[in-house]
Protein backbone atom coordinates (compact mmCIF):
# COMPACT_ATOMS: atom_id res chain seq x y z
CA MET A 1 149.49 115.88 98.61
CA VAL A 2 151.56 119.01 98.71
CA PHE A 3 152.69 121.13 101.79
CA SER A 4 152.91 124.68 101.34
CA ILE A 5 155.31 125.97 103.94
CA ILE A 6 155.57 129.70 104.33
CA VAL A 7 158.46 131.37 106.11
CA VAL A 8 157.97 135.35 106.37
CA CYS A 9 161.05 137.33 107.42
CA LEU A 10 162.68 140.81 108.01
CA ASP A 11 166.32 140.89 108.92
CA ALA A 12 166.19 137.61 110.59
CA GLY A 13 169.59 136.40 109.65
CA ASP A 14 170.75 132.70 110.90
CA ARG A 15 167.21 132.19 112.26
CA LEU A 16 165.91 132.03 108.87
CA ARG A 17 168.51 129.66 107.95
CA GLU A 18 167.50 127.34 110.76
CA THR A 19 163.98 127.31 110.07
CA VAL A 20 164.34 126.47 106.32
CA GLU A 21 166.92 123.96 107.07
CA SER A 22 164.42 122.08 109.52
CA ILE A 23 162.06 121.88 106.50
CA ARG A 24 164.59 120.56 104.17
CA ARG A 25 165.51 117.79 106.57
CA GLN A 26 161.92 116.44 106.43
CA THR A 27 161.79 112.68 105.34
CA GLU A 28 158.37 113.44 103.64
CA GLN A 29 159.35 115.33 100.22
CA ASP A 30 155.86 116.67 99.06
CA TYR A 31 156.41 120.10 100.15
CA GLU A 32 157.08 123.63 98.72
CA ILE A 33 159.00 126.58 100.69
CA ILE A 34 157.71 129.96 100.02
CA ILE A 35 159.96 132.70 101.66
CA LYS A 36 158.30 136.04 101.87
CA ASP A 37 160.98 138.70 102.85
CA GLY A 38 159.67 142.33 103.56
CA GLY A 39 162.88 143.94 102.24
CA SER A 40 165.63 142.86 104.61
CA THR A 41 168.88 145.14 104.72
CA ASP A 42 171.17 143.36 106.88
CA GLU A 43 173.87 141.65 105.19
CA LEU A 44 173.43 138.19 106.72
CA THR A 45 170.01 137.92 105.53
CA VAL A 46 170.42 139.46 102.15
CA ASN A 47 173.38 136.95 101.62
CA LEU A 48 171.36 134.17 102.88
CA LEU A 49 168.53 134.95 100.34
CA LYS A 50 171.15 134.95 97.62
CA GLU A 51 172.51 131.75 98.52
CA TYR A 52 169.08 130.19 98.20
CA SER A 53 168.76 131.89 94.65
CA GLU A 54 171.86 130.71 93.28
CA ASN A 55 172.22 127.97 90.36
CA ASP A 56 168.58 128.80 89.52
CA ASP A 57 167.95 127.17 85.95
CA HIS A 58 164.88 129.36 85.57
CA PRO A 59 164.73 132.75 84.36
CA PRO A 60 164.10 135.59 87.16
CA MET A 61 160.39 136.40 87.95
CA MET A 62 158.63 139.46 89.27
CA ALA A 63 158.03 139.11 92.78
CA CYS A 64 154.89 140.24 94.60
CA GLY A 65 155.45 144.09 94.82
CA GLU A 66 157.88 146.16 93.02
CA GLN A 67 161.19 144.38 93.18
CA GLU A 68 162.63 141.75 90.61
CA TRP A 69 164.18 138.87 92.52
CA PRO A 70 165.80 135.58 91.14
CA HIS A 71 163.71 132.90 92.48
CA ASN A 72 165.50 129.76 93.72
CA HIS A 73 163.49 126.63 92.50
CA GLY A 74 166.73 124.70 93.41
CA ALA A 75 167.24 121.22 91.97
CA ASP A 76 163.90 119.96 92.81
CA GLY A 77 162.01 123.27 92.32
CA ARG A 78 160.67 123.52 95.74
CA LEU A 79 161.89 126.88 97.27
CA ARG A 80 160.68 130.33 96.07
CA ILE A 81 161.38 133.68 97.27
CA TYR A 82 159.43 136.81 97.20
CA ARG A 83 160.32 140.26 98.20
CA SER A 84 158.00 143.29 98.68
CA LYS A 85 157.20 145.84 101.33
CA ASP A 86 154.51 144.73 103.77
CA THR A 87 152.74 146.46 106.41
CA GLY A 88 153.58 143.75 109.13
CA ILE A 89 153.41 139.97 109.67
CA TYR A 90 149.86 139.29 108.81
CA ASP A 91 150.12 141.35 105.60
CA ALA A 92 153.44 139.45 104.72
CA MET A 93 151.51 135.96 105.25
CA ASN A 94 148.61 137.23 102.90
CA GLN A 95 151.06 138.11 100.20
CA ALA A 96 152.69 134.80 100.48
CA VAL A 97 149.52 132.72 100.41
CA GLN A 98 148.89 134.37 96.98
CA HIS A 99 151.76 131.92 95.87
CA VAL A 100 150.59 128.61 97.29
CA ARG A 101 150.39 125.68 95.08
CA GLY A 102 150.02 123.09 97.74
CA ASP A 103 146.94 121.39 99.45
CA PHE A 104 147.73 122.52 103.17
CA VAL A 105 149.40 125.59 104.19
CA PHE A 106 151.61 126.04 107.17
CA PHE A 107 153.32 128.93 108.56
CA LEU A 108 156.49 128.56 110.36
CA ASN A 109 158.15 131.79 111.87
CA CYS A 110 161.93 132.60 111.69
CA GLY A 111 163.52 131.10 114.69
CA ASP A 112 160.79 128.16 114.84
CA SER A 113 161.50 124.62 113.45
CA PHE A 114 159.83 121.47 112.87
CA TYR A 115 160.14 119.35 116.01
CA ASP A 116 162.06 116.38 114.09
CA SER A 117 162.66 115.28 110.61
CA HIS A 118 159.41 113.14 110.56
CA VAL A 119 156.61 115.46 111.40
CA LEU A 120 155.35 116.12 107.59
CA ALA A 121 155.35 112.41 107.03
CA ARG A 122 153.20 111.88 110.16
CA VAL A 123 150.82 114.77 109.19
CA LYS A 124 150.51 113.34 105.73
CA GLU A 125 149.55 110.09 106.87
CA GLN A 126 146.71 111.77 108.93
CA THR A 127 145.69 114.13 106.39
CA GLU A 128 145.10 111.54 103.56
CA ARG A 129 142.86 109.53 105.59
CA LEU A 130 140.48 112.81 105.97
CA LYS A 131 140.61 113.34 102.23
CA ASP A 132 139.80 109.63 101.53
CA ALA A 133 136.66 109.85 103.71
CA ASP A 134 135.50 113.65 102.87
CA THR A 135 136.74 115.46 99.87
CA LYS A 136 134.33 118.32 100.43
CA THR A 137 134.99 119.58 104.05
CA PRO A 138 138.00 121.98 104.45
CA TYR A 139 140.10 120.86 107.45
CA ILE A 140 142.37 122.52 109.92
CA VAL A 141 144.64 119.55 111.12
CA TYR A 142 146.62 120.48 114.25
CA GLY A 143 149.09 118.80 116.82
CA ASN A 144 151.25 120.18 119.62
CA ILE A 145 154.20 122.37 119.93
CA TYR A 146 157.41 122.15 121.84
CA GLU A 147 157.87 125.59 123.68
CA GLN A 148 161.78 126.27 123.70
CA LYS A 149 161.49 128.91 126.48
CA THR A 150 160.03 126.56 129.09
CA GLY A 151 161.30 123.34 127.63
CA THR A 152 158.10 121.84 127.77
CA LEU A 153 155.75 120.04 125.19
CA VAL A 154 152.54 122.08 124.93
CA GLN A 155 149.32 120.17 124.22
CA SER A 156 146.63 121.65 122.14
CA ASN A 157 143.07 121.11 123.01
CA PRO A 158 141.84 117.86 121.36
CA VAL A 159 138.24 119.19 121.14
CA ILE A 160 137.18 122.56 119.40
CA ASP A 161 134.09 123.89 120.65
CA ASP A 162 132.88 127.44 121.86
CA PHE A 163 134.77 127.53 125.15
CA ALA A 164 137.93 126.25 123.41
CA CYS A 165 137.37 129.09 120.78
CA TYR A 166 137.14 131.69 123.69
CA ARG A 167 139.91 130.25 125.68
CA ASN A 168 142.70 128.33 124.11
CA ILE A 169 142.96 127.42 120.24
CA PRO A 170 145.95 125.92 118.84
CA CYS A 171 148.86 128.35 118.00
CA HIS A 172 149.36 128.69 114.09
CA GLN A 173 152.79 127.02 114.33
CA ALA A 174 150.57 123.79 115.08
CA CYS A 175 148.07 124.08 112.34
CA PHE A 176 147.95 122.80 108.85
CA TYR A 177 145.16 124.84 107.08
CA ASP A 178 143.25 123.29 103.92
CA ALA A 179 144.63 125.80 101.28
CA GLY A 180 140.86 126.49 100.22
CA LEU A 181 140.35 128.41 103.45
CA PHE A 182 143.05 131.02 102.42
CA ARG A 183 141.85 131.11 98.88
CA GLU A 184 138.43 132.24 100.28
CA ARG A 185 139.89 134.66 102.92
CA GLY A 186 143.17 135.79 104.44
CA PHE A 187 144.09 137.19 107.84
CA ASP A 188 142.22 140.43 108.68
CA THR A 189 145.07 142.90 109.04
CA GLY A 190 142.92 145.34 111.02
CA TYR A 191 143.95 143.09 113.89
CA GLN A 192 147.69 143.78 114.85
CA VAL A 193 148.23 140.80 117.48
CA ARG A 194 145.20 138.43 116.94
CA ALA A 195 144.74 138.15 113.20
CA ASP A 196 145.56 134.58 113.42
CA TYR A 197 143.07 134.01 116.20
CA GLU A 198 140.21 135.80 114.39
CA HIS A 199 141.02 133.84 111.25
CA PHE A 200 140.88 130.58 113.04
CA LEU A 201 137.25 131.51 114.52
CA TRP A 202 136.39 132.56 110.96
CA CYS A 203 137.40 129.02 109.85
CA TYR A 204 135.40 127.58 112.52
CA TYR A 205 132.20 129.45 112.76
CA ILE A 206 131.84 130.98 108.91
CA ALA A 207 133.68 128.41 106.76
CA ARG A 208 132.64 125.45 109.07
CA ALA A 209 136.02 123.88 108.67
CA GLY A 210 136.37 120.58 110.34
CA MET A 211 138.99 120.75 113.33
CA VAL A 212 141.21 117.47 113.56
CA SER A 213 143.58 117.01 116.35
CA ILE A 214 146.49 114.52 115.83
CA PRO A 215 148.95 113.12 118.44
CA VAL A 216 152.16 114.82 116.70
CA ALA A 217 154.54 117.31 118.15
CA VAL A 218 154.68 119.91 115.15
CA ALA A 219 157.13 122.65 115.92
CA ARG A 220 159.68 123.80 118.26
CA TYR A 221 158.47 127.43 119.16
CA GLU A 222 161.15 129.98 119.82
CA GLY A 223 158.76 132.21 121.70
CA GLY A 224 159.50 135.93 122.86
CA GLY A 225 158.55 137.23 119.68
CA PHE A 226 156.02 140.03 118.38
CA SER A 227 152.93 139.10 120.40
CA GLU A 228 154.74 138.68 123.64
CA THR A 229 156.09 142.26 124.26
CA ARG A 230 154.48 144.16 126.97
CA GLU A 231 152.83 146.49 124.77
CA ASN A 232 151.29 143.70 122.49
CA ARG A 233 150.15 141.65 125.50
CA VAL A 234 147.92 144.57 126.29
CA LYS A 235 146.91 145.06 122.66
CA SER A 236 146.33 141.16 122.68
CA ARG A 237 143.87 141.21 125.43
CA GLN A 238 141.96 144.22 123.68
CA GLU A 239 141.67 142.40 120.38
CA HIS A 240 140.68 139.22 121.93
CA ARG A 241 137.48 140.99 123.34
CA GLN A 242 136.91 142.45 119.93
CA VAL A 243 137.24 139.06 118.17
CA VAL A 244 135.23 137.17 120.59
CA GLY A 245 132.44 139.81 120.58
CA ARG A 246 132.46 139.30 116.77
CA TYR A 247 131.68 135.76 116.59
CA MET A 248 130.08 134.92 120.05
CA PRO A 249 126.74 136.35 121.75
CA LYS A 250 127.35 138.59 124.64
CA GLY A 251 125.87 136.02 127.12
CA LYS A 252 128.11 133.34 126.34
CA VAL A 253 131.11 135.66 126.31
CA ILE A 254 130.15 136.79 130.06
CA LYS A 255 129.68 133.19 131.01
CA TYR A 256 133.25 132.26 129.82
CA ARG A 257 134.79 135.29 131.40
CA PHE A 258 133.26 134.23 134.89
CA ILE A 259 134.46 130.76 134.31
CA MET A 260 137.90 131.83 133.64
CA ALA A 261 137.94 134.09 136.74
CA LEU A 262 136.74 131.23 138.81
CA THR A 263 139.34 128.89 137.52
CA LEU A 264 142.22 131.34 138.35
CA ALA A 265 143.21 131.75 134.73
CA PRO A 266 146.09 134.34 135.44
CA VAL A 267 147.59 131.72 137.86
CA ARG A 268 147.47 129.00 135.22
CA THR A 269 149.07 131.24 132.59
CA TRP A 270 151.94 132.09 134.96
CA ALA A 271 152.38 128.31 135.91
CA ALA A 272 152.40 127.38 131.94
CA GLY A 273 154.91 130.23 131.35
CA ASN A 274 157.21 129.40 134.20
CA PRO A 275 160.19 127.05 133.42
CA LEU A 276 159.98 125.53 137.04
CA THR A 277 156.08 124.49 136.74
CA ALA A 278 155.26 124.31 133.04
CA ALA A 279 156.15 120.66 132.75
CA PHE A 280 153.92 119.73 135.83
CA TYR A 281 151.23 121.95 134.42
CA GLN A 282 151.16 120.53 131.05
CA LYS A 283 151.15 116.91 132.45
CA LEU A 284 147.91 117.85 134.40
CA LYS A 285 146.36 119.63 131.41
CA GLY A 286 147.35 116.45 129.20
CA LYS A 287 145.38 114.24 131.61
CA LEU A 288 142.31 116.71 131.56
CA TYR A 289 142.42 116.73 127.84
CA LYS A 290 142.39 112.76 127.67
CA TYR A 291 139.32 112.81 130.00
CA ILE A 292 137.51 115.42 127.87
CA LYS A 293 138.30 113.45 124.64
CA GLY A 294 137.28 110.30 126.18
């Protein structure tokens, strides 16, 4: 089993190095790293990409797009670099997925890192059990993330159902996707902020992917990125309404909006994002999830 780990970047500098090195520290070695660069121009990022491309025993390959770039397969042939223009993060991810050779796809943003050096080993143990039991069903295997901004381990919902799809799906830094799901369909780039959310719902409702929660802290999430600007938070709410309207009947959407209002969703969001209250909130949420899972 091979994990295809995709890192997209644009002028990321040392944040790219931090992310890539967290992958290289993994004790599980069955992985490939695909770096998709959108055409970085800052000196630090360009030099870092060149560093990763040094000592390549393979001839240069044509990158996706117009530029030729010497790909680094390294001593073990696991790192490849593709440079081309893209229209944004989801287009970059779609381009990178075209070069995947592994069984499961994982996206790790620049500045994010694996939680520790044993993440892939733990995930592999869980996914091999799934494939032994059922080789036909595509799976999304997901764990938890550590949020650096609040210093808190954020627990993903252990049961994915309609309400979970409306309210709180795992973020993509927690998810390992069966590669077949992306061979069938990539991200819908018509969504600027919520394309990963829309794709998850497509996997659940259309592709009928199995959703498997595992007790693994997967990634250290940097936060404060593209989707968290004030403008994009507004866009996120707009696109959320569009996506749920695409996959859920109107009556169910109205019902879930009422439940969210009744349970003080804005207050809970504030508590989850406040460093002073986040740990307590996650502890309570963890107890509720244990009850739900039974």
